[in-house]
C-alpha atoms as a PDB file:
ATOM      1  CA  MET A   1       0.000   0.000   0.000  1.00  0.00           C
ATOM      2  CA  CYS A   2       2.838   2.423   0.786  1.00  0.00           C
ATOM      3  CA  LYS A   3       4.373   1.725  -2.598  1.00  0.00           C
ATOM      4  CA  ALA A   4       1.081   2.476  -4.345  1.00  0.00           C
ATOM      5  CA  VAL A   5       0.692   5.780  -2.476  1.00  0.00           C
ATOM      6  CA  ALA A   6       4.279   6.770  -3.272  1.00  0.00           C
ATOM      7  CA  GLU A   7       3.816   5.951  -6.954  1.00  0.00           C
ATOM      8  CA  ASP A   8       0.607   7.991  -7.069  1.00  0.00           C
ATOM      9  CA  GLU A   9       2.373  10.974  -5.478  1.00  0.00           C
ATOM     10  CA  VAL A  10       5.175  10.766  -8.017  1.00  0.00           C
ATOM     11  CA  GLU A  11       2.670  10.786 -10.865  1.00  0.00           C
ATOM     12  CA  GLU A  12       0.770  13.755  -9.418  1.00  0.00           C
ATOM     13  CA  GLU A  13       3.560  15.902  -7.974  1.00  0.00           C
ATOM     14  CA  GLY A  14       6.600  14.828  -9.926  1.00  0.00           C
ATOM     15  CA  GLU A  15       9.616  13.113  -8.403  1.00  0.00           C
ATOM     16  CA  THR A  16      10.037  15.478  -5.451  1.00  0.00           C
ATOM     17  CA  GLY A  17       7.127  14.219  -3.314  1.00  0.00           C
ATOM     18  CA  ILE A  18       8.541  11.470  -1.138  1.00  0.00           C
ATOM     19  CA  ASN A  19      12.220  12.243  -1.752  1.00  0.00           C
ATOM     20  CA  THR A  20      11.942  15.684  -0.154  1.00  0.00           C
ATOM     21  CA  GLY A  21      10.407  14.204   2.979  1.00  0.00           C
ATOM     22  CA  ILE A  22      13.104  11.565   3.266  1.00  0.00           C
ATOM     23  CA  LEU A  23      15.869  14.127   2.809  1.00  0.00           C
ATOM     24  CA  TYR A  24      14.285  16.385   5.425  1.00  0.00           C
ATOM     25  CA  LEU A  25      14.090  13.542   7.945  1.00  0.00           C
ATOM     26  CA  MET A  26      17.717  12.612   7.254  1.00  0.00           C
ATOM     27  CA  VAL A  27      19.233  16.098   7.424  1.00  0.00           C
ATOM     28  CA  VAL A  28      17.548  17.657  10.458  1.00  0.00           C
ATOM     29  CA  PRO A  29      19.007  15.284  13.106  1.00  0.00           C
ATOM     30  CA  TYR A  30      22.515  15.769  11.712  1.00  0.00           C
ATOM     31  CA  ILE A  31      22.157  19.539  11.892  1.00  0.00           C
ATOM     32  CA  VAL A  32      20.982  19.343  15.503  1.00  0.00           C
ATOM     33  CA  LEU A  33      23.825  17.002  16.469  1.00  0.00           C
ATOM     34  CA  PHE A  34      26.355  19.236  14.726  1.00  0.00           C
ATOM     35  CA  ILE A  35      25.181  22.262  16.706  1.00  0.00           C
ATOM     36  CA  VAL A  36      25.300  20.401  20.037  1.00  0.00           C
ATOM     37  CA  PHE A  37      28.714  18.844  19.501  1.00  0.00           C
ATOM     38  CA  ARG A  38      30.171  21.995  17.957  1.00  0.00           C
ATOM     39  CA  LYS A  39      29.585  23.840  21.217  1.00  0.00           C
ATOM     40  CA  LYS A  40      31.186  21.022  23.216  1.00  0.00           C
ATOM     41  CA  ILE A  41      34.200  20.859  20.899  1.00  0.00           C
ATOM     42  CA  PHE A  42      34.796  24.607  21.095  1.00  0.00           C
ATOM     43  CA  GLY A  43      34.461  24.444  24.889  1.00  0.00           C
ATOM     44  CA  PHE A  44      36.972  21.600  25.003  1.00  0.00           C
ATOM     45  CA  LEU A  45      39.446  23.492  22.819  1.00  0.00           C
ATOM     46  CA  LYS A  46      39.064  26.605  24.968  1.00  0.00           C
ATOM     47  CA  ASP A  47      39.780  24.596  28.140  1.00  0.00           C
ATOM     48  CA  LEU A  48      42.721  22.893  26.462  1.00  0.00           C
ATOM     49  CA  LYS A  49      44.175  26.250  25.448  1.00  0.00           C
ATOM     50  CA  LYS A  50      43.862  27.514  29.060  1.00  0.00           C
ATOM     51  CA  ALA A  51      45.523  24.381  30.433  1.00  0.00           C
ATOM     52  CA  THR A  52      48.524  24.581  28.113  1.00  0.00           C
ATOM     53  CA  GLY A  53      48.909  28.351  28.479  1.00  0.00           C
ATOM     54  CA  LYS A  54      49.242  28.893  24.753  1.00  0.00           C
ATOM     55  CA  SER A  55      47.646  31.836  23.035  1.00  0.00           C
ATOM     56  CA  SER A  56      46.707  31.839  19.392  1.00  0.00           C
ATOM     57  CA  THR A  57      47.550  34.831  17.217  1.00  0.00           C
END
């Protein structure tokens, strides 16, 4: 039944119907994880720089 619905959507809307939804569901979690871990990585690098006493120029 899912296959029949997907095929009907492709015929009516073109090829972007189900593919857009799949891409959206795939990309959003990666963006959220990138934001969360980016903050932790920058915090770790900042602490590491303080511990070693080096300053970047």
